[in-house]
Amino acid sequence: MQIRGKAWKFGDDVDTDAIIPARYLNTSDTKVLAAHCMEDADPEFSGKVRAGDIIVAGKNFGCGSSREHAPIAIKGAGVSCVIAHSFARIFYRNAFNMGLPILECPEAASAIATGDEVEVNLEDGRIVNHTRKQTYRAQAVPPFMQKLLQAGGLMAYVREQMLQEED
């Protein structure tokens, strides 16, 4: 799976309140969540981000509460992938469950800047910064996790499997 987009850079310890503020958790409407994505980190983010863009962040991205709304908001905003130095464990799991591709790569997270054109290959973990002409290596997304992403998340994957069993 190949992904290409413009990078949006954030720092360390971006918590789930910065990704989607608690005041918007009374809805599960993807469009509403997307409109407020990263609002407390960059109030204008949702108006600037475009489909296919990539979030790049430092250490411990997605720390804080275990809300599934965070990866839903990011994905709903059109972000195709998140690259970070590291992820909070519950965010890591929630991202794959919601069908949001993520990669841990400290080198890429440090070197990529907002506006850089970045390409990601989830199958081999290759990250190319076309703007700076640099290549980085993250661990490839395991095949089962790729299936989750291709299906659109865990629930969609389970539905697909149930339908295949019925046939």
C-alpha atoms as a PDB file:
ATOM      1  CA  MET A   1       0.000   0.000   0.000  1.00  0.00           C
ATOM      2  CA  GLN A   2       1.514   3.313  -1.162  1.00  0.00           C
ATOM      3  CA  ILE A   3       0.598   6.643   0.420  1.00  0.00           C
ATOM      4  CA  ARG A   4       1.758  10.086  -0.693  1.00  0.00           C
ATOM      5  CA  GLY A   5       0.950  13.478   0.749  1.00  0.00           C
ATOM      6  CA  LYS A   6       2.030  16.729   2.310  1.00  0.00           C
ATOM      7  CA  ALA A   7       3.413  16.563   5.844  1.00  0.00           C
ATOM      8  CA  TRP A   8       1.995  18.364   8.860  1.00  0.00           C
ATOM      9  CA  LYS A   9       4.481  18.386  11.758  1.00  0.00           C
ATOM     10  CA  PHE A  10       3.608  18.245  15.454  1.00  0.00           C
ATOM     11  CA  GLY A  11       5.791  17.801  18.527  1.00  0.00           C
ATOM     12  CA  ASP A  12       6.068  15.336  21.388  1.00  0.00           C
ATOM     13  CA  ASP A  13       3.254  14.182  23.672  1.00  0.00           C
ATOM     14  CA  VAL A  14       0.331  15.175  21.442  1.00  0.00           C
ATOM     15  CA  ASP A  15      -2.490  13.814  23.547  1.00  0.00           C
ATOM     16  CA  THR A  16      -5.943  12.724  22.495  1.00  0.00           C
ATOM     17  CA  ASP A  17      -7.391  15.997  23.857  1.00  0.00           C
ATOM     18  CA  ALA A  18      -5.256  17.897  21.337  1.00  0.00           C
ATOM     19  CA  ILE A  19      -6.249  15.477  18.559  1.00  0.00           C
ATOM     20  CA  ILE A  20      -9.980  15.756  19.324  1.00  0.00           C
ATOM     21  CA  PRO A  21     -10.985  17.907  22.304  1.00  0.00           C
ATOM     22  CA  ALA A  22     -13.284  16.301  24.859  1.00  0.00           C
ATOM     23  CA  ARG A  23     -15.995  18.898  24.172  1.00  0.00           C
ATOM     24  CA  TYR A  24     -16.682  17.103  20.855  1.00  0.00           C
ATOM     25  CA  LEU A  25     -16.943  13.578  22.222  1.00  0.00           C
ATOM     26  CA  ASN A  26     -20.721  13.733  22.414  1.00  0.00           C
ATOM     27  CA  THR A  27     -20.841  12.737  18.742  1.00  0.00           C
ATOM     28  CA  SER A  28     -19.470   9.927  16.630  1.00  0.00           C
ATOM     29  CA  ASP A  29     -20.195  11.816  13.385  1.00  0.00           C
ATOM     30  CA  THR A  30     -16.959  11.582  11.408  1.00  0.00           C
ATOM     31  CA  LYS A  31     -17.522  14.934   9.673  1.00  0.00           C
ATOM     32  CA  VAL A  32     -17.977  16.773  12.970  1.00  0.00           C
ATOM     33  CA  LEU A  33     -14.923  15.087  14.476  1.00  0.00           C
ATOM     34  CA  ALA A  34     -12.870  15.860  11.344  1.00  0.00           C
ATOM     35  CA  ALA A  35     -13.830  19.535  11.518  1.00  0.00           C
ATOM     36  CA  HIS A  36     -12.236  19.726  14.977  1.00  0.00           C
ATOM     37  CA  CYS A  37      -9.251  17.443  14.359  1.00  0.00           C
ATOM     38  CA  MET A  38      -6.042  18.767  15.983  1.00  0.00           C
ATOM     39  CA  GLU A  39      -7.974  21.878  17.023  1.00  0.00           C
ATOM     40  CA  ASP A  40      -6.157  22.332  20.326  1.00  0.00           C
ATOM     41  CA  ALA A  41      -2.738  21.753  18.709  1.00  0.00           C
ATOM     42  CA  ASP A  42      -3.358  23.898  15.592  1.00  0.00           C
ATOM     43  CA  PRO A  43      -6.763  25.637  15.469  1.00  0.00           C
ATOM     44  CA  GLU A  44      -6.580  26.020  11.671  1.00  0.00           C
ATOM     45  CA  PHE A  45      -5.473  22.468  10.884  1.00  0.00           C
ATOM     46  CA  SER A  46      -8.841  21.145   9.700  1.00  0.00           C
ATOM     47  CA  GLY A  47      -9.142  24.003   7.218  1.00  0.00           C
ATOM     48  CA  LYS A  48      -5.647  23.476   5.813  1.00  0.00           C
ATOM     49  CA  VAL A  49      -5.280  19.683   5.672  1.00  0.00           C
ATOM     50  CA  ARG A  50      -6.128  17.963   2.402  1.00  0.00           C
ATOM     51  CA  ALA A  51      -7.078  14.381   1.604  1.00  0.00           C
ATOM     52  CA  GLY A  52      -3.982  12.213   1.524  1.00  0.00           C
ATOM     53  CA  ASP A  53      -1.867  14.442   3.771  1.00  0.00           C
ATOM     54  CA  ILE A  54       0.326  12.906   6.471  1.00  0.00           C
ATOM     55  CA  ILE A  55       0.777  13.852  10.119  1.00  0.00           C
ATOM     56  CA  VAL A  56       4.338  13.625  11.429  1.00  0.00           C
ATOM     57  CA  ALA A  57       4.960  13.862  15.164  1.00  0.00           C
ATOM     58  CA  GLY A  58       7.445  13.276  17.926  1.00  0.00           C
ATOM     59  CA  LYS A  59       7.353  10.909  20.871  1.00  0.00           C
ATOM     60  CA  ASN A  60       4.243   9.475  22.514  1.00  0.00           C
ATOM     61  CA  PHE A  61       1.677  10.580  19.909  1.00  0.00           C
ATOM     62  CA  GLY A  62      -1.886   9.834  21.050  1.00  0.00           C
ATOM     63  CA  CYS A  63      -1.146   9.719  24.773  1.00  0.00           C
ATOM     64  CA  GLY A  64      -3.915  10.439  27.249  1.00  0.00           C
ATOM     65  CA  SER A  65      -7.323   8.848  27.226  1.00  0.00           C
ATOM     66  CA  SER A  66      -8.182   5.773  25.203  1.00  0.00           C
ATOM     67  CA  ARG A  67     -10.773   7.439  23.006  1.00  0.00           C
ATOM     68  CA  GLU A  68     -11.361   5.879  19.595  1.00  0.00           C
ATOM     69  CA  HIS A  69     -12.548   9.302  18.449  1.00  0.00           C
ATOM     70  CA  ALA A  70      -8.908  10.392  17.968  1.00  0.00           C
ATOM     71  CA  PRO A  71      -8.008   8.130  15.012  1.00  0.00           C
ATOM     72  CA  ILE A  72     -11.540   8.567  13.639  1.00  0.00           C
ATOM     73  CA  ALA A  73     -11.075  12.360  13.603  1.00  0.00           C
ATOM     74  CA  ILE A  74      -7.657  12.083  11.956  1.00  0.00           C
ATOM     75  CA  LYS A  75      -8.884   9.673   9.300  1.00  0.00           C
ATOM     76  CA  GLY A  76     -12.062  11.723   8.778  1.00  0.00           C
ATOM     77  CA  ALA A  77      -9.965  14.850   8.179  1.00  0.00           C
ATOM     78  CA  GLY A  78      -8.426  13.055   5.200  1.00  0.00           C
ATOM     79  CA  VAL A  79      -5.071  12.216   6.777  1.00  0.00           C
ATOM     80  CA  SER A  80      -3.764   9.083   5.087  1.00  0.00           C
ATOM     81  CA  CYS A  81      -1.052   8.134   7.589  1.00  0.00           C
ATOM     82  CA  VAL A  82       0.634   9.204  10.821  1.00  0.00           C
ATOM     83  CA  ILE A  83       4.389   8.876  11.210  1.00  0.00           C
ATOM     84  CA  ALA A  84       5.766   9.409  14.712  1.00  0.00           C
ATOM     85  CA  HIS A  85       8.841   8.781  16.792  1.00  0.00           C
ATOM     86  CA  SER A  86       6.565   6.651  18.996  1.00  0.00           C
ATOM     87  CA  PHE A  87       2.880   6.146  19.791  1.00  0.00           C
ATOM     88  CA  ALA A  88       0.968   5.660  23.003  1.00  0.00           C
ATOM     89  CA  ARG A  89       0.048   1.977  23.124  1.00  0.00           C
ATOM     90  CA  ILE A  90      -3.732   2.437  23.200  1.00  0.00           C
ATOM     91  CA  PHE A  91      -3.615   4.921  20.303  1.00  0.00           C
ATOM     92  CA  TYR A  92      -1.500   2.466  18.308  1.00  0.00           C
ATOM     93  CA  ARG A  93      -4.142  -0.226  18.723  1.00  0.00           C
ATOM     94  CA  ASN A  94      -7.075   2.122  18.148  1.00  0.00           C
ATOM     95  CA  ALA A  95      -5.500   3.454  14.947  1.00  0.00           C
ATOM     96  CA  PHE A  96      -5.365   0.018  13.342  1.00  0.00           C
ATOM     97  CA  ASN A  97      -8.812  -0.868  14.684  1.00  0.00           C
ATOM     98  CA  MET A  98     -10.198   2.261  12.982  1.00  0.00           C
ATOM     99  CA  GLY A  99      -8.226   1.687   9.752  1.00  0.00           C
ATOM    100  CA  LEU A 100      -5.689   4.508  10.168  1.00  0.00           C
ATOM    101  CA  PRO A 101      -2.171   3.595   8.978  1.00  0.00           C
ATOM    102  CA  ILE A 102       0.629   4.555  11.365  1.00  0.00           C
ATOM    103  CA  LEU A 103       4.393   4.032  11.346  1.00  0.00           C
ATOM    104  CA  GLU A 104       7.015   4.503  14.041  1.00  0.00           C
ATOM    105  CA  CYS A 105      10.238   5.972  12.670  1.00  0.00           C
ATOM    106  CA  PRO A 106      12.287   8.297  14.889  1.00  0.00           C
ATOM    107  CA  GLU A 107      14.568   9.378  12.013  1.00  0.00           C
ATOM    108  CA  ALA A 108      11.697  10.364   9.724  1.00  0.00           C
ATOM    109  CA  ALA A 109       9.802  12.037  12.563  1.00  0.00           C
ATOM    110  CA  SER A 110      12.832  14.201  13.323  1.00  0.00           C
ATOM    111  CA  ALA A 111      13.755  15.110   9.740  1.00  0.00           C
ATOM    112  CA  ILE A 112      10.412  15.702   8.014  1.00  0.00           C
ATOM    113  CA  ALA A 113       9.028  19.258   8.184  1.00  0.00           C
ATOM    114  CA  THR A 114       5.601  20.726   7.536  1.00  0.00           C
ATOM    115  CA  GLY A 115       5.083  21.048   3.807  1.00  0.00           C
ATOM    116  CA  ASP A 116       7.463  18.272   2.796  1.00  0.00           C
ATOM    117  CA  GLU A 117       6.123  15.851   0.181  1.00  0.00           C
ATOM    118  CA  VAL A 118       6.268  12.384   1.731  1.00  0.00           C
ATOM    119  CA  GLU A 119       5.653   8.916   0.322  1.00  0.00           C
ATOM    120  CA  VAL A 120       5.076   5.844   2.508  1.00  0.00           C
ATOM    121  CA  ASN A 121       5.136   2.171   1.593  1.00  0.00           C
ATOM    122  CA  LEU A 122       3.387   0.237   4.368  1.00  0.00           C
ATOM    123  CA  GLU A 123       4.454  -3.144   2.991  1.00  0.00           C
ATOM    124  CA  ASP A 124       8.183  -2.552   3.406  1.00  0.00           C
ATOM    125  CA  GLY A 125       8.246   0.406   5.821  1.00  0.00           C
ATOM    126  CA  ARG A 126       9.999   2.726   3.383  1.00  0.00           C
ATOM    127  CA  ILE A 127       9.389   6.455   3.891  1.00  0.00           C
ATOM    128  CA  VAL A 128      10.640   8.847   1.213  1.00  0.00           C
ATOM    129  CA  ASN A 129      10.840  12.579   1.757  1.00  0.00           C
ATOM    130  CA  HIS A 130      10.754  13.811  -1.833  1.00  0.00           C
ATOM    131  CA  THR A 131      11.318  17.422  -0.779  1.00  0.00           C
ATOM    132  CA  ARG A 132      14.600  16.681   1.015  1.00  0.00           C
ATOM    133  CA  LYS A 133      15.509  13.636  -1.105  1.00  0.00           C
ATOM    134  CA  GLN A 134      15.892  11.411   1.968  1.00  0.00           C
ATOM    135  CA  THR A 135      14.736   7.855   2.640  1.00  0.00           C
ATOM    136  CA  TYR A 136      13.993   6.306   6.031  1.00  0.00           C
ATOM    137  CA  ARG A 137      13.027   2.839   7.200  1.00  0.00           C
ATOM    138  CA  ALA A 138      10.264   2.021   9.610  1.00  0.00           C
ATOM    139  CA  GLN A 139       9.210  -1.473  10.510  1.00  0.00           C
ATOM    140  CA  ALA A 140       6.828  -2.776   7.856  1.00  0.00           C
ATOM    141  CA  VAL A 141       3.188  -3.113   8.827  1.00  0.00           C
ATOM    142  CA  PRO A 142       2.588  -6.837   9.479  1.00  0.00           C
ATOM    143  CA  PRO A 143       0.407  -8.600   6.875  1.00  0.00           C
ATOM    144  CA  PHE A 144      -2.569  -9.065   9.222  1.00  0.00           C
ATOM    145  CA  MET A 145      -2.507  -5.380  10.167  1.00  0.00           C
ATOM    146  CA  GLN A 146      -2.372  -4.518   6.449  1.00  0.00           C
ATOM    147  CA  LYS A 147      -5.551  -6.562   5.997  1.00  0.00           C
ATOM    148  CA  LEU A 148      -7.214  -4.521   8.752  1.00  0.00           C
ATOM    149  CA  LEU A 149      -6.185  -1.291   7.015  1.00  0.00           C
ATOM    150  CA  GLN A 150      -7.322  -2.484   3.584  1.00  0.00           C
ATOM    151  CA  ALA A 151     -10.703  -3.438   5.013  1.00  0.00           C
ATOM    152  CA  GLY A 152     -11.091  -0.051   6.699  1.00  0.00           C
ATOM    153  CA  GLY A 153     -10.555  -1.246  10.263  1.00  0.00           C
ATOM    154  CA  LEU A 154     -11.267  -4.154  12.567  1.00  0.00           C
ATOM    155  CA  MET A 155     -15.062  -4.106  12.384  1.00  0.00           C
ATOM    156  CA  ALA A 156     -15.050  -3.919   8.587  1.00  0.00           C
ATOM    157  CA  TYR A 157     -12.534  -6.774   8.489  1.00  0.00           C
ATOM    158  CA  VAL A 158     -14.718  -8.938  10.760  1.00  0.00           C
ATOM    159  CA  ARG A 159     -17.781  -8.194   8.608  1.00  0.00           C
ATOM    160  CA  GLU A 160     -15.841  -9.229   5.488  1.00  0.00           C
ATOM    161  CA  GLN A 161     -14.764 -12.476   7.150  1.00  0.00           C
ATOM    162  CA  MET A 162     -18.329 -13.270   8.252  1.00  0.00           C
ATOM    163  CA  LEU A 163     -19.639 -12.662   4.739  1.00  0.00           C
ATOM    164  CA  GLN A 164     -16.963 -14.916   3.255  1.00  0.00           C
ATOM    165  CA  GLU A 165     -17.915 -17.679   5.697  1.00  0.00           C
ATOM    166  CA  GLU A 166     -21.558 -17.401   4.637  1.00  0.00           C
ATOM    167  CA  ASP A 167     -20.684 -17.954   0.968  1.00  0.00           C
END
